[in-house]
N, C-alpha and C. Protein backbone atom coordinates (compact mmCIF):
# COMPACT_ATOMS: atom_id res chain seq x y z
N MET A 1 -7.12 12.40 3.69
CA MET A 1 -5.69 12.60 3.65
C MET A 1 -5.38 13.62 2.55
N GLU A 2 -4.62 14.60 2.88
CA GLU A 2 -4.21 15.60 1.91
C GLU A 2 -2.76 15.33 1.51
N CYS A 3 -2.55 15.18 0.22
CA CYS A 3 -1.22 14.88 -0.29
C CYS A 3 -0.55 16.15 -0.80
N PRO A 4 0.79 16.14 -0.82
CA PRO A 4 1.51 17.31 -1.33
C PRO A 4 1.22 17.54 -2.81
N PRO A 5 1.44 18.76 -3.28
CA PRO A 5 1.16 19.06 -4.69
C PRO A 5 2.16 18.36 -5.62
N GLY A 6 1.79 18.29 -6.86
CA GLY A 6 2.67 17.70 -7.86
C GLY A 6 1.91 16.74 -8.75
N LYS A 7 2.58 16.26 -9.73
CA LYS A 7 2.00 15.33 -10.69
C LYS A 7 1.61 14.03 -9.99
N TRP A 8 0.47 13.45 -10.38
CA TRP A 8 -0.06 12.24 -9.74
C TRP A 8 0.01 11.00 -10.61
N ALA A 9 0.01 11.14 -11.93
CA ALA A 9 -0.01 9.97 -12.82
C ALA A 9 0.86 10.22 -14.04
N TRP A 10 1.39 9.13 -14.59
CA TRP A 10 2.31 9.20 -15.73
C TRP A 10 1.90 8.22 -16.81
N PRO A 11 0.79 8.45 -17.49
CA PRO A 11 0.35 7.51 -18.54
C PRO A 11 1.34 7.42 -19.71
N GLU A 12 2.09 8.46 -19.93
CA GLU A 12 3.05 8.47 -21.03
C GLU A 12 4.21 7.48 -20.84
N LEU A 13 4.34 6.90 -19.64
CA LEU A 13 5.45 5.99 -19.36
C LEU A 13 5.11 4.52 -19.62
N VAL A 14 3.87 4.21 -19.92
CA VAL A 14 3.50 2.83 -20.24
C VAL A 14 4.29 2.39 -21.48
N GLY A 15 4.92 1.24 -21.37
CA GLY A 15 5.75 0.70 -22.46
C GLY A 15 7.22 1.05 -22.34
N LYS A 16 7.56 1.97 -21.46
CA LYS A 16 8.96 2.38 -21.25
C LYS A 16 9.65 1.42 -20.29
N ASP A 17 10.97 1.48 -20.25
CA ASP A 17 11.75 0.72 -19.28
C ASP A 17 11.38 1.17 -17.86
N GLY A 18 11.16 0.25 -16.95
CA GLY A 18 10.73 0.57 -15.59
C GLY A 18 11.69 1.44 -14.82
N ASN A 19 12.99 1.19 -14.94
CA ASN A 19 13.97 1.99 -14.21
C ASN A 19 14.04 3.41 -14.74
N VAL A 20 13.94 3.54 -16.05
CA VAL A 20 13.92 4.88 -16.66
C VAL A 20 12.66 5.62 -16.21
N ALA A 21 11.53 4.91 -16.20
CA ALA A 21 10.27 5.50 -15.77
C ALA A 21 10.36 5.99 -14.32
N ALA A 22 10.95 5.18 -13.45
CA ALA A 22 11.09 5.56 -12.04
C ALA A 22 11.91 6.84 -11.90
N ALA A 23 12.98 6.95 -12.66
CA ALA A 23 13.82 8.15 -12.60
C ALA A 23 13.04 9.38 -13.08
N ILE A 24 12.26 9.23 -14.13
CA ILE A 24 11.45 10.34 -14.65
C ILE A 24 10.43 10.78 -13.61
N ILE A 25 9.76 9.81 -12.98
CA ILE A 25 8.76 10.13 -11.96
C ILE A 25 9.37 10.92 -10.82
N GLU A 26 10.49 10.46 -10.30
CA GLU A 26 11.13 11.15 -9.18
C GLU A 26 11.66 12.52 -9.58
N LYS A 27 12.01 12.69 -10.83
CA LYS A 27 12.46 14.00 -11.30
C LYS A 27 11.28 14.96 -11.43
N GLU A 28 10.15 14.46 -11.92
CA GLU A 28 8.98 15.32 -12.15
C GLU A 28 8.19 15.64 -10.89
N ASN A 29 8.29 14.78 -9.87
CA ASN A 29 7.62 15.06 -8.60
C ASN A 29 8.59 14.73 -7.47
N LYS A 30 9.21 15.74 -6.92
CA LYS A 30 10.23 15.57 -5.87
C LYS A 30 9.64 15.07 -4.55
N ASN A 31 8.31 15.02 -4.44
CA ASN A 31 7.65 14.58 -3.20
C ASN A 31 7.44 13.07 -3.13
N VAL A 32 7.78 12.34 -4.20
CA VAL A 32 7.51 10.90 -4.22
C VAL A 32 8.78 10.10 -4.48
N TYR A 33 8.69 8.81 -4.13
CA TYR A 33 9.72 7.86 -4.52
C TYR A 33 9.04 6.77 -5.33
N ALA A 34 9.73 6.27 -6.33
CA ALA A 34 9.16 5.27 -7.23
C ALA A 34 9.77 3.90 -6.93
N ILE A 35 8.90 2.89 -6.94
CA ILE A 35 9.32 1.51 -6.70
C ILE A 35 8.99 0.70 -7.94
N VAL A 36 10.01 0.09 -8.53
CA VAL A 36 9.80 -0.77 -9.69
C VAL A 36 9.51 -2.18 -9.18
N THR A 37 8.39 -2.75 -9.63
CA THR A 37 7.99 -4.08 -9.16
C THR A 37 7.21 -4.82 -10.24
N LYS A 38 7.25 -6.13 -10.16
CA LYS A 38 6.42 -6.95 -11.04
C LYS A 38 5.09 -7.15 -10.32
N GLY A 39 4.00 -7.09 -11.06
CA GLY A 39 2.67 -7.28 -10.48
C GLY A 39 2.40 -8.74 -10.22
N PRO A 40 1.32 -9.09 -9.60
CA PRO A 40 0.32 -8.17 -9.04
C PRO A 40 0.75 -7.63 -7.68
N ILE A 41 0.14 -6.52 -7.29
CA ILE A 41 0.45 -5.89 -6.00
C ILE A 41 -0.42 -6.53 -4.91
N ILE A 42 0.22 -7.00 -3.86
CA ILE A 42 -0.49 -7.61 -2.74
C ILE A 42 -0.87 -6.55 -1.71
N ASP A 43 0.05 -5.64 -1.44
CA ASP A 43 -0.15 -4.57 -0.44
C ASP A 43 -1.03 -3.48 -1.03
N ALA A 44 -2.21 -3.29 -0.47
CA ALA A 44 -3.15 -2.29 -0.98
C ALA A 44 -3.09 -0.99 -0.20
N SER A 45 -2.08 -0.80 0.64
CA SER A 45 -1.97 0.43 1.42
C SER A 45 -1.70 1.62 0.52
N PHE A 46 -2.16 2.80 0.94
CA PHE A 46 -2.01 4.02 0.16
C PHE A 46 -0.96 4.92 0.79
N SER A 47 -0.13 5.51 -0.04
CA SER A 47 0.84 6.50 0.42
C SER A 47 0.94 7.62 -0.60
N CYS A 48 0.85 8.84 -0.12
CA CYS A 48 0.98 10.02 -0.99
C CYS A 48 2.41 10.18 -1.52
N TYR A 49 3.33 9.43 -0.99
CA TYR A 49 4.74 9.62 -1.32
C TYR A 49 5.32 8.46 -2.13
N ARG A 50 4.46 7.54 -2.57
CA ARG A 50 4.93 6.35 -3.28
C ARG A 50 4.25 6.23 -4.65
N VAL A 51 5.04 5.82 -5.63
CA VAL A 51 4.51 5.46 -6.94
C VAL A 51 5.05 4.08 -7.27
N ARG A 52 4.14 3.16 -7.50
CA ARG A 52 4.55 1.82 -7.92
C ARG A 52 4.64 1.79 -9.44
N VAL A 53 5.78 1.35 -9.93
CA VAL A 53 6.00 1.20 -11.37
C VAL A 53 5.95 -0.30 -11.64
N ILE A 54 4.83 -0.76 -12.19
CA ILE A 54 4.62 -2.18 -12.39
C ILE A 54 5.09 -2.56 -13.79
N VAL A 55 5.98 -3.55 -13.83
CA VAL A 55 6.61 -3.94 -15.09
C VAL A 55 6.31 -5.40 -15.42
N ASP A 56 6.51 -5.74 -16.70
CA ASP A 56 6.36 -7.12 -17.14
C ASP A 56 7.71 -7.84 -17.03
N GLU A 57 7.77 -9.07 -17.56
CA GLU A 57 8.99 -9.87 -17.46
C GLU A 57 10.16 -9.27 -18.23
N ASN A 58 9.88 -8.32 -19.12
CA ASN A 58 10.94 -7.64 -19.88
C ASN A 58 11.33 -6.30 -19.27
N GLY A 59 10.73 -5.96 -18.12
CA GLY A 59 11.06 -4.71 -17.45
C GLY A 59 10.34 -3.49 -18.01
N LYS A 60 9.32 -3.71 -18.83
CA LYS A 60 8.55 -2.61 -19.43
C LYS A 60 7.32 -2.29 -18.59
N VAL A 61 7.00 -1.01 -18.44
CA VAL A 61 5.85 -0.57 -17.66
C VAL A 61 4.57 -1.05 -18.32
N ILE A 62 3.69 -1.71 -17.53
CA ILE A 62 2.46 -2.26 -18.09
C ILE A 62 1.19 -1.63 -17.52
N VAL A 63 1.34 -0.83 -16.46
CA VAL A 63 0.21 -0.16 -15.82
C VAL A 63 0.58 1.30 -15.64
N ILE A 64 -0.38 2.20 -15.81
CA ILE A 64 -0.09 3.62 -15.62
C ILE A 64 0.43 3.84 -14.20
N PRO A 65 1.66 4.33 -14.06
CA PRO A 65 2.17 4.63 -12.72
C PRO A 65 1.41 5.81 -12.13
N ASN A 66 0.99 5.65 -10.88
CA ASN A 66 0.32 6.76 -10.18
C ASN A 66 0.60 6.70 -8.70
N ILE A 67 0.38 7.81 -8.04
CA ILE A 67 0.61 7.89 -6.60
C ILE A 67 -0.34 6.94 -5.90
N GLY A 68 0.17 6.31 -4.91
CA GLY A 68 -0.66 5.39 -4.13
C GLY A 68 0.19 4.44 -3.41
């Protein structure tokens, strides 16, 4: 599968507010949409157009957001 160009990962967003992180991701890569969710992730499907922003109980990003 060939994905569109653009940034793939956002390690700098770990520890940030999940909603703020999602907005930054969508601004930096117009080809993706960001989903804020609490882990763990059950659905292991891959999408070039999705970034899961996994947050803790305080809404802070706990895993490096990346395309998938």
